[in-house]
PDB file of N, CA and C in Angstrom:
ATOM      1  N   UNK A   1     -12.147   0.736  -0.394  1.00  0.00           N
ATOM      2  CA  UNK A   1     -13.232   0.534  -1.731  1.00  0.00           C
ATOM      3  C   UNK A   1     -13.572  -1.408  -1.724  1.00  0.00           C
ATOM      4  N   UNK A   2     -14.303  -1.536  -2.057  1.00  0.00           N
ATOM      5  CA  UNK A   2     -15.043  -2.997  -2.113  1.00  0.00           C
ATOM      6  C   UNK A   2     -15.468  -3.058  -3.758  1.00  0.00           C
ATOM      7  N   UNK A   3     -15.575  -4.436  -4.361  1.00  0.00           N
ATOM      8  CA  UNK A   3     -14.740  -5.034  -5.392  1.00  0.00           C
ATOM      9  C   UNK A   3     -16.758  -3.916  -6.206  1.00  0.00           C
ATOM     10  N   UNK A   4     -17.616  -4.082  -5.302  1.00  0.00           N
ATOM     11  CA  UNK A   4     -18.769  -4.179  -5.943  1.00  0.00           C
ATOM     12  C   UNK A   4     -19.060  -2.820  -5.992  1.00  0.00           C
ATOM     13  N   UNK A   5     -19.005  -2.028  -5.554  1.00  0.00           N
ATOM     14  CA  UNK A   5     -18.807  -0.436  -5.618  1.00  0.00           C
ATOM     15  C   UNK A   5     -17.729   0.355  -6.741  1.00  0.00           C
ATOM     16  N   UNK A   6     -17.002  -0.741  -6.507  1.00  0.00           N
ATOM     17  CA  UNK A   6     -15.449  -0.677  -7.804  1.00  0.00           C
ATOM     18  C   UNK A   6     -16.259  -0.480  -9.773  1.00  0.00           C
ATOM     19  N   UNK A   7     -16.861  -1.761  -9.672  1.00  0.00           N
ATOM     20  CA  UNK A   7     -17.604  -2.163 -10.734  1.00  0.00           C
ATOM     21  C   UNK A   7     -18.786  -0.734 -10.881  1.00  0.00           C
ATOM     22  N   UNK A   8     -18.870  -0.990 -10.057  1.00  0.00           N
ATOM     23  CA  UNK A   8     -20.236   0.042 -10.581  1.00  0.00           C
ATOM     24  C   UNK A   8     -19.936   0.898 -10.860  1.00  0.00           C
ATOM     25  N   UNK A   9     -18.981   1.815 -10.090  1.00  0.00           N
ATOM     26  CA  UNK A   9     -18.671   3.416 -10.688  1.00  0.00           C
ATOM     27  C   UNK A   9     -17.689   3.085 -11.680  1.00  0.00           C
ATOM     28  N   UNK A  10     -17.562   2.074 -12.282  1.00  0.00           N
ATOM     29  CA  UNK A  10     -16.684   2.244 -13.576  1.00  0.00           C
ATOM     30  C   UNK A  10     -17.779   1.763 -14.838  1.00  0.00           C
ATOM     31  N   UNK A  11     -18.950   0.580 -14.211  1.00  0.00           N
ATOM     32  CA  UNK A  11     -20.126   1.321 -15.611  1.00  0.00           C
ATOM     33  C   UNK A  11     -20.510   2.440 -16.294  1.00  0.00           C
ATOM     34  N   UNK A  12     -20.763   2.948 -14.492  1.00  0.00           N
ATOM     35  CA  UNK A  12     -21.014   4.531 -14.210  1.00  0.00           C
ATOM     36  C   UNK A  12     -20.485   5.824 -15.186  1.00  0.00           C
ATOM     37  N   UNK A  13     -18.632   5.703 -14.640  1.00  0.00           N
ATOM     38  CA  UNK A  13     -17.785   6.334 -16.092  1.00  0.00           C
ATOM     39  C   UNK A  13     -17.947   5.876 -17.024  1.00  0.00           C
ATOM     40  N   UNK A  14     -18.318   4.729 -17.679  1.00  0.00           N
ATOM     41  CA  UNK A  14     -18.494   4.073 -18.960  1.00  0.00           C
ATOM     42  C   UNK A  14     -19.302   5.040 -19.559  1.00  0.00           C
ATOM     43  N   UNK A  15     -20.317   4.670 -18.934  1.00  0.00           N
ATOM     44  CA  UNK A  15     -22.600   5.215 -19.176  1.00  0.00           C
ATOM     45  C   UNK A  15     -21.929   6.951 -19.202  1.00  0.00           C
ATOM     46  N   UNK A  16     -21.333   7.439 -18.704  1.00  0.00           N
ATOM     47  CA  UNK A  16     -21.746   9.178 -18.545  1.00  0.00           C
ATOM     48  C   UNK A  16     -20.516   9.696 -18.342  1.00  0.00           C
ATOM     49  N   UNK A  17     -19.477   9.468 -18.912  1.00  0.00           N
ATOM     50  CA  UNK A  17     -17.899  10.357 -18.590  1.00  0.00           C
ATOM     51  C   UNK A  17     -17.235   9.501 -17.877  1.00  0.00           C
ATOM     52  N   UNK A  18     -15.838  10.071 -17.508  1.00  0.00           N
ATOM     53  CA  UNK A  18     -15.421   9.962 -17.054  1.00  0.00           C
ATOM     54  C   UNK A  18     -14.707  10.674 -15.593  1.00  0.00           C
ATOM     55  N   UNK A  19     -15.516  10.873 -15.436  1.00  0.00           N
ATOM     56  CA  UNK A  19     -15.605  11.896 -13.606  1.00  0.00           C
ATOM     57  C   UNK A  19     -15.338  10.710 -12.740  1.00  0.00           C
ATOM     58  N   UNK A  20     -16.045  10.008 -12.473  1.00  0.00           N
ATOM     59  CA  UNK A  20     -16.519   8.545 -11.991  1.00  0.00           C
ATOM     60  C   UNK A  20     -15.258   7.620 -12.274  1.00  0.00           C
ATOM     61  N   UNK A  21     -14.893   7.467 -13.215  1.00  0.00           N
ATOM     62  CA  UNK A  21     -13.465   6.988 -13.512  1.00  0.00           C
ATOM     63  C   UNK A  21     -12.102   6.950 -12.481  1.00  0.00           C
ATOM     64  N   UNK A  22     -12.294   9.127 -12.696  1.00  0.00           N
ATOM     65  CA  UNK A  22     -10.859   9.419 -11.939  1.00  0.00           C
ATOM     66  C   UNK A  22     -11.673   9.122 -10.437  1.00  0.00           C
ATOM     67  N   UNK A  23     -12.703   9.010  -9.964  1.00  0.00           N
ATOM     68  CA  UNK A  23     -12.969   8.769  -8.252  1.00  0.00           C
ATOM     69  C   UNK A  23     -12.541   7.191  -8.320  1.00  0.00           C
ATOM     70  N   UNK A  24     -12.318   6.451  -9.077  1.00  0.00           N
ATOM     71  CA  UNK A  24     -11.493   4.831  -8.572  1.00  0.00           C
ATOM     72  C   UNK A  24     -10.250   5.349  -8.575  1.00  0.00           C
ATOM     73  N   UNK A  25      -9.432   5.764  -9.936  1.00  0.00           N
ATOM     74  CA  UNK A  25      -8.461   6.550  -9.967  1.00  0.00           C
ATOM     75  C   UNK A  25      -7.607   6.830  -8.833  1.00  0.00           C
ATOM     76  N   UNK A  26      -8.139   7.944  -8.256  1.00  0.00           N
ATOM     77  CA  UNK A  26      -7.371   8.696  -7.157  1.00  0.00           C
ATOM     78  C   UNK A  26      -8.017   7.218  -5.758  1.00  0.00           C
ATOM     79  N   UNK A  27      -8.797   6.639  -5.319  1.00  0.00           N
ATOM     80  CA  UNK A  27      -9.223   6.192  -4.170  1.00  0.00           C
ATOM     81  C   UNK A  27      -8.859   4.422  -4.494  1.00  0.00           C
ATOM     82  N   UNK A  28      -8.362   4.576  -5.762  1.00  0.00           N
ATOM     83  CA  UNK A  28      -7.529   3.320  -5.086  1.00  0.00           C
ATOM     84  C   UNK A  28      -5.624   3.326  -5.148  1.00  0.00           C
ATOM     85  N   UNK A  29      -5.374   5.098  -5.793  1.00  0.00           N
ATOM     86  CA  UNK A  29      -4.309   5.215  -5.211  1.00  0.00           C
ATOM     87  C   UNK A  29      -4.472   4.942  -3.682  1.00  0.00           C
ATOM     88  N   UNK A  30      -5.660   5.783  -3.525  1.00  0.00           N
ATOM     89  CA  UNK A  30      -5.386   6.148  -1.855  1.00  0.00           C
ATOM     90  C   UNK A  30      -5.186   4.585  -1.418  1.00  0.00           C
ATOM     91  N   UNK A  31      -5.801   3.784  -1.429  1.00  0.00           N
ATOM     92  CA  UNK A  31      -6.275   2.691  -0.543  1.00  0.00           C
ATOM     93  C   UNK A  31      -5.101   2.136  -0.740  1.00  0.00           C
ATOM     94  N   UNK A  32      -4.186   2.341  -1.844  1.00  0.00           N
ATOM     95  CA  UNK A  32      -2.541   1.253  -2.230  1.00  0.00           C
ATOM     96  C   UNK A  32      -1.114   2.167  -1.040  1.00  0.00           C
ATOM     97  N   UNK A  33      -1.347   3.741  -1.416  1.00  0.00           N
ATOM     98  CA  UNK A  33      -0.980   4.959  -0.667  1.00  0.00           C
ATOM     99  C   UNK A  33      -0.526   4.230   1.729  1.00  0.00           C
ATOM    100  N   UNK A  34      -1.786   4.453   1.065  1.00  0.00           N
ATOM    101  CA  UNK A  34      -2.513   3.370   2.938  1.00  0.00           C
ATOM    102  C   UNK A  34      -2.372   2.269   3.365  1.00  0.00           C
ATOM    103  N   UNK A  35      -1.582   1.522   2.918  1.00  0.00           N
ATOM    104  CA  UNK A  35      -0.959   0.431   2.607  1.00  0.00           C
ATOM    105  C   UNK A  35       0.346  -0.236   2.524  1.00  0.00           C
ATOM    106  N   UNK A  36       1.003   0.397   1.719  1.00  0.00           N
ATOM    107  CA  UNK A  36       2.094   0.161   2.087  1.00  0.00           C
ATOM    108  C   UNK A  36       2.438   1.319   2.841  1.00  0.00           C
ATOM    109  N   UNK A  37       2.113   2.422   3.381  1.00  0.00           N
ATOM    110  CA  UNK A  37       1.912   3.311   4.423  1.00  0.00           C
ATOM    111  C   UNK A  37       2.188   2.624   5.845  1.00  0.00           C
ATOM    112  N   UNK A  38       1.011   1.401   5.643  1.00  0.00           N
ATOM    113  CA  UNK A  38       0.732   0.340   6.833  1.00  0.00           C
ATOM    114  C   UNK A  38       1.820  -0.337   7.233  1.00  0.00           C
ATOM    115  N   UNK A  39       2.936  -0.982   6.206  1.00  0.00           N
ATOM    116  CA  UNK A  39       3.481  -1.696   5.598  1.00  0.00           C
ATOM    117  C   UNK A  39       4.482  -1.822   6.025  1.00  0.00           C
ATOM    118  N   UNK A  40       4.903  -0.629   5.898  1.00  0.00           N
ATOM    119  CA  UNK A  40       6.392  -0.075   6.501  1.00  0.00           C
ATOM    120  C   UNK A  40       6.835   0.317   7.794  1.00  0.00           C
ATOM    121  N   UNK A  41       4.945   1.024   8.319  1.00  0.00           N
ATOM    122  CA  UNK A  41       5.408   1.577   9.957  1.00  0.00           C
ATOM    123  C   UNK A  41       4.962  -0.554  10.088  1.00  0.00           C
ATOM    124  N   UNK A  42       5.166  -1.492   9.995  1.00  0.00           N
ATOM    125  CA  UNK A  42       5.251  -2.153  10.620  1.00  0.00           C
ATOM    126  C   UNK A  42       6.311  -3.639  10.189  1.00  0.00           C
ATOM    127  N   UNK A  43       7.094  -3.194   9.381  1.00  0.00           N
ATOM    128  CA  UNK A  43       8.573  -3.324   9.295  1.00  0.00           C
ATOM    129  C   UNK A  43       9.169  -2.485   9.839  1.00  0.00           C
ATOM    130  N   UNK A  44       9.205  -0.767  10.040  1.00  0.00           N
ATOM    131  CA  UNK A  44       9.979  -1.001  10.803  1.00  0.00           C
ATOM    132  C   UNK A  44       9.737  -0.769  12.778  1.00  0.00           C
ATOM    133  N   UNK A  45       8.746  -0.814  12.819  1.00  0.00           N
ATOM    134  CA  UNK A  45       8.190  -0.488  14.415  1.00  0.00           C
ATOM    135  C   UNK A  45       8.033  -2.219  14.902  1.00  0.00           C
ATOM    136  N   UNK A  46       7.629  -3.676  13.777  1.00  0.00           N
ATOM    137  CA  UNK A  46       7.445  -4.316  14.695  1.00  0.00           C
ATOM    138  C   UNK A  46       5.416  -4.554  15.243  1.00  0.00           C
ATOM    139  N   UNK A  47       4.518  -3.127  14.729  1.00  0.00           N
ATOM    140  CA  UNK A  47       3.393  -3.589  15.783  1.00  0.00           C
ATOM    141  C   UNK A  47       2.824  -2.707  14.066  1.00  0.00           C
ATOM    142  N   UNK A  48       1.323  -3.457  15.219  1.00  0.00           N
ATOM    143  CA  UNK A  48       1.029  -3.554  13.385  1.00  0.00           C
ATOM    144  C   UNK A  48      -0.164  -1.320  13.842  1.00  0.00           C
ATOM    145  N   UNK A  49      -1.126  -0.937  13.228  1.00  0.00           N
ATOM    146  CA  UNK A  49      -1.393   0.108  13.616  1.00  0.00           C
ATOM    147  C   UNK A  49      -2.453   0.808  15.048  1.00  0.00           C
ATOM    148  N   UNK A  50      -3.131  -0.591  15.098  1.00  0.00           N
ATOM    149  CA  UNK A  50      -3.783  -0.214  16.590  1.00  0.00           C
ATOM    150  C   UNK A  50      -2.835  -0.318  17.698  1.00  0.00           C
ATOM    151  N   UNK A  51      -1.856  -1.145  17.394  1.00  0.00           N
ATOM    152  CA  UNK A  51      -0.696  -0.994  18.567  1.00  0.00           C
ATOM    153  C   UNK A  51       0.018   0.713  18.482  1.00  0.00           C
ATOM    154  N   UNK A  52       0.600   1.187  17.959  1.00  0.00           N
ATOM    155  CA  UNK A  52       0.646   2.226  17.089  1.00  0.00           C
ATOM    156  C   UNK A  52       0.812   2.880  17.935  1.00  0.00           C
ATOM    157  N   UNK A  53      -1.330   2.953  17.666  1.00  0.00           N
ATOM    158  CA  UNK A  53      -1.581   4.156  18.593  1.00  0.00           C
ATOM    159  C   UNK A  53      -2.031   4.060  19.897  1.00  0.00           C
ATOM    160  N   UNK A  54      -1.959   2.992  20.160  1.00  0.00           N
ATOM    161  CA  UNK A  54      -2.540   2.205  21.646  1.00  0.00           C
ATOM    162  C   UNK A  54      -1.496   2.979  22.394  1.00  0.00           C
ATOM    163  N   UNK A  55       0.513   2.327  21.897  1.00  0.00           N
ATOM    164  CA  UNK A  55       1.275   3.162  22.282  1.00  0.00           C
ATOM    165  C   UNK A  55       1.396   4.330  21.920  1.00  0.00           C
ATOM    166  N   UNK A  56       1.056   5.444  21.280  1.00  0.00           N
ATOM    167  CA  UNK A  56       1.255   6.841  21.113  1.00  0.00           C
ATOM    168  C   UNK A  56       0.445   7.740  21.548  1.00  0.00           C
ATOM    169  N   UNK A  57      -0.969   7.074  22.060  1.00  0.00           N
ATOM    170  CA  UNK A  57      -1.628   8.165  22.235  1.00  0.00           C
ATOM    171  C   UNK A  57      -2.055   7.388  23.453  1.00  0.00           C
ATOM    172  N   UNK A  58      -3.315   8.706  23.393  1.00  0.00           N
ATOM    173  CA  UNK A  58      -3.561   8.262  25.903  1.00  0.00           C
ATOM    174  C   UNK A  58      -5.088   6.884  25.499  1.00  0.00           C
ATOM    175  N   UNK A  59      -5.473   6.673  26.867  1.00  0.00           N
ATOM    176  CA  UNK A  59      -6.630   6.120  26.356  1.00  0.00           C
ATOM    177  C   UNK A  59      -8.239   6.497  25.276  1.00  0.00           C
ATOM    178  N   UNK A  60      -8.036   7.828  26.084  1.00  0.00           N
ATOM    179  CA  UNK A  60      -9.162   8.585  25.429  1.00  0.00           C
ATOM    180  C   UNK A  60      -9.496   8.475  23.995  1.00  0.00           C
ATOM    181  N   UNK A  61      -8.197   9.474  23.480  1.00  0.00           N
ATOM    182  CA  UNK A  61      -7.639   8.861  21.750  1.00  0.00           C
ATOM    183  C   UNK A  61      -7.998   7.723  21.566  1.00  0.00           C
ATOM    184  N   UNK A  62      -7.535   6.802  22.176  1.00  0.00           N
ATOM    185  CA  UNK A  62      -7.484   5.688  21.354  1.00  0.00           C
ATOM    186  C   UNK A  62      -8.836   4.494  21.320  1.00  0.00           C
ATOM    187  N   UNK A  63      -9.235   5.035  22.282  1.00  0.00           N
ATOM    188  CA  UNK A  63     -11.026   4.709  22.493  1.00  0.00           C
ATOM    189  C   UNK A  63     -11.821   5.669  21.294  1.00  0.00           C
ATOM    190  N   UNK A  64     -11.818   6.708  21.218  1.00  0.00           N
ATOM    191  CA  UNK A  64     -11.701   7.202  20.768  1.00  0.00           C
ATOM    192  C   UNK A  64     -11.804   6.919  19.032  1.00  0.00           C
ATOM    193  N   UNK A  65     -10.804   6.306  18.737  1.00  0.00           N
ATOM    194  CA  UNK A  65     -10.513   5.746  17.566  1.00  0.00           C
ATOM    195  C   UNK A  65     -10.941   4.459  17.168  1.00  0.00           C
ATOM    196  N   UNK A  66     -11.197   4.075  17.891  1.00  0.00           N
ATOM    197  CA  UNK A  66     -11.621   2.838  18.248  1.00  0.00           C
ATOM    198  C   UNK A  66     -13.298   2.622  17.845  1.00  0.00           C
ATOM    199  N   UNK A  67     -13.899   3.392  18.859  1.00  0.00           N
ATOM    200  CA  UNK A  67     -15.530   3.965  18.319  1.00  0.00           C
ATOM    201  C   UNK A  67     -15.632   4.597  16.676  1.00  0.00           C
ATOM    202  N   UNK A  68     -14.617   5.517  16.007  1.00  0.00           N
ATOM    203  CA  UNK A  68     -14.820   6.116  14.898  1.00  0.00           C
ATOM    204  C   UNK A  68     -14.100   4.392  13.868  1.00  0.00           C
ATOM    205  N   UNK A  69     -13.410   3.559  13.866  1.00  0.00           N
ATOM    206  CA  UNK A  69     -13.559   2.591  12.954  1.00  0.00           C
ATOM    207  C   UNK A  69     -14.373   1.650  13.452  1.00  0.00           C
ATOM    208  N   UNK A  70     -15.159   1.307  13.811  1.00  0.00           N
ATOM    209  CA  UNK A  70     -16.566   0.613  14.198  1.00  0.00           C
ATOM    210  C   UNK A  70     -18.161   1.615  13.471  1.00  0.00           C
ATOM    211  N   UNK A  71     -17.607   2.606  13.609  1.00  0.00           N
ATOM    212  CA  UNK A  71     -18.412   3.052  12.420  1.00  0.00           C
ATOM    213  C   UNK A  71     -18.453   3.157  11.293  1.00  0.00           C
ATOM    214  N   UNK A  72     -17.087   4.127  11.327  1.00  0.00           N
ATOM    215  CA  UNK A  72     -16.964   3.699   9.536  1.00  0.00           C
ATOM    216  C   UNK A  72     -16.969   1.720   8.813  1.00  0.00           C
ATOM    217  N   UNK A  73     -16.843   1.022   9.603  1.00  0.00           N
ATOM    218  CA  UNK A  73     -17.148  -0.956   9.160  1.00  0.00           C
ATOM    219  C   UNK A  73     -18.725  -0.943   9.295  1.00  0.00           C
ATOM    220  N   UNK A  74     -19.078  -0.214  10.079  1.00  0.00           N
ATOM    221  CA  UNK A  74     -20.778  -0.292  10.236  1.00  0.00           C
ATOM    222  C   UNK A  74     -21.376   0.444   8.995  1.00  0.00           C
ATOM    223  N   UNK A  75     -20.423   1.799   8.578  1.00  0.00           N
ATOM    224  CA  UNK A  75     -21.749   2.402   7.596  1.00  0.00           C
ATOM    225  C   UNK A  75     -21.028   2.105   6.377  1.00  0.00           C
ATOM    226  N   UNK A  76     -20.311   1.381   6.093  1.00  0.00           N
ATOM    227  CA  UNK A  76     -19.769   0.341   5.203  1.00  0.00           C
ATOM    228  C   UNK A  76     -20.808  -1.064   4.881  1.00  0.00           C
ATOM    229  N   UNK A  77     -20.604  -1.489   6.028  1.00  0.00           N
ATOM    230  CA  UNK A  77     -21.575  -2.466   5.611  1.00  0.00           C
ATOM    231  C   UNK A  77     -23.408  -2.156   5.323  1.00  0.00           C
ATOM    232  N   UNK A  78     -23.304  -1.286   6.372  1.00  0.00           N
ATOM    233  CA  UNK A  78     -25.392  -1.218   5.177  1.00  0.00           C
ATOM    234  C   UNK A  78     -24.953  -0.879   4.430  1.00  0.00           C
ATOM    235  N   UNK A  79     -23.672  -0.261   3.981  1.00  0.00           N
ATOM    236  CA  UNK A  79     -24.466   0.506   2.559  1.00  0.00           C
ATOM    237  C   UNK A  79     -23.959  -1.044   1.535  1.00  0.00           C
ATOM    238  N   UNK A  80     -23.344  -1.753   1.923  1.00  0.00           N
ATOM    239  CA  UNK A  80     -23.614  -3.139   1.344  1.00  0.00           C
ATOM    240  C   UNK A  80     -25.043  -3.685   1.353  1.00  0.00           C
ATOM    241  N   UNK A  81     -25.550  -3.780   2.376  1.00  0.00           N
ATOM    242  CA  UNK A  81     -26.971  -4.599   2.213  1.00  0.00           C
ATOM    243  C   UNK A  81     -27.813  -3.236   1.834  1.00  0.00           C
ATOM    244  N   UNK A  82     -27.744  -2.148   1.980  1.00  0.00           N
ATOM    245  CA  UNK A  82     -28.842  -1.509   1.253  1.00  0.00           C
ATOM    246  C   UNK A  82     -28.533  -1.287  -0.144  1.00  0.00           C
ATOM    247  N   UNK A  83     -27.308  -1.882  -0.350  1.00  0.00           N
ATOM    248  CA  UNK A  83     -27.557  -1.140  -2.076  1.00  0.00           C
ATOM    249  C   UNK A  83     -26.948  -2.755  -2.560  1.00  0.00           C
TER     250      UNK A  83
END
């Protein structure tokens, strides 16, 4: 969650109620959980998430995960350009 969307959600939550503030809380907690899990994986295995995915899956599933990650990056970039 980028800072621009975070500030927009905070402003909307302050103006229209606390529903959007709850979304900020949940997304921030989810991001912290995922980052801590990736850090623990790196410390325990000595590899990053992409290397572990390559090691633990077959080539076609790894390519599929890579394509999904690229699509997610494109979707967030498009939202930044439009917004």
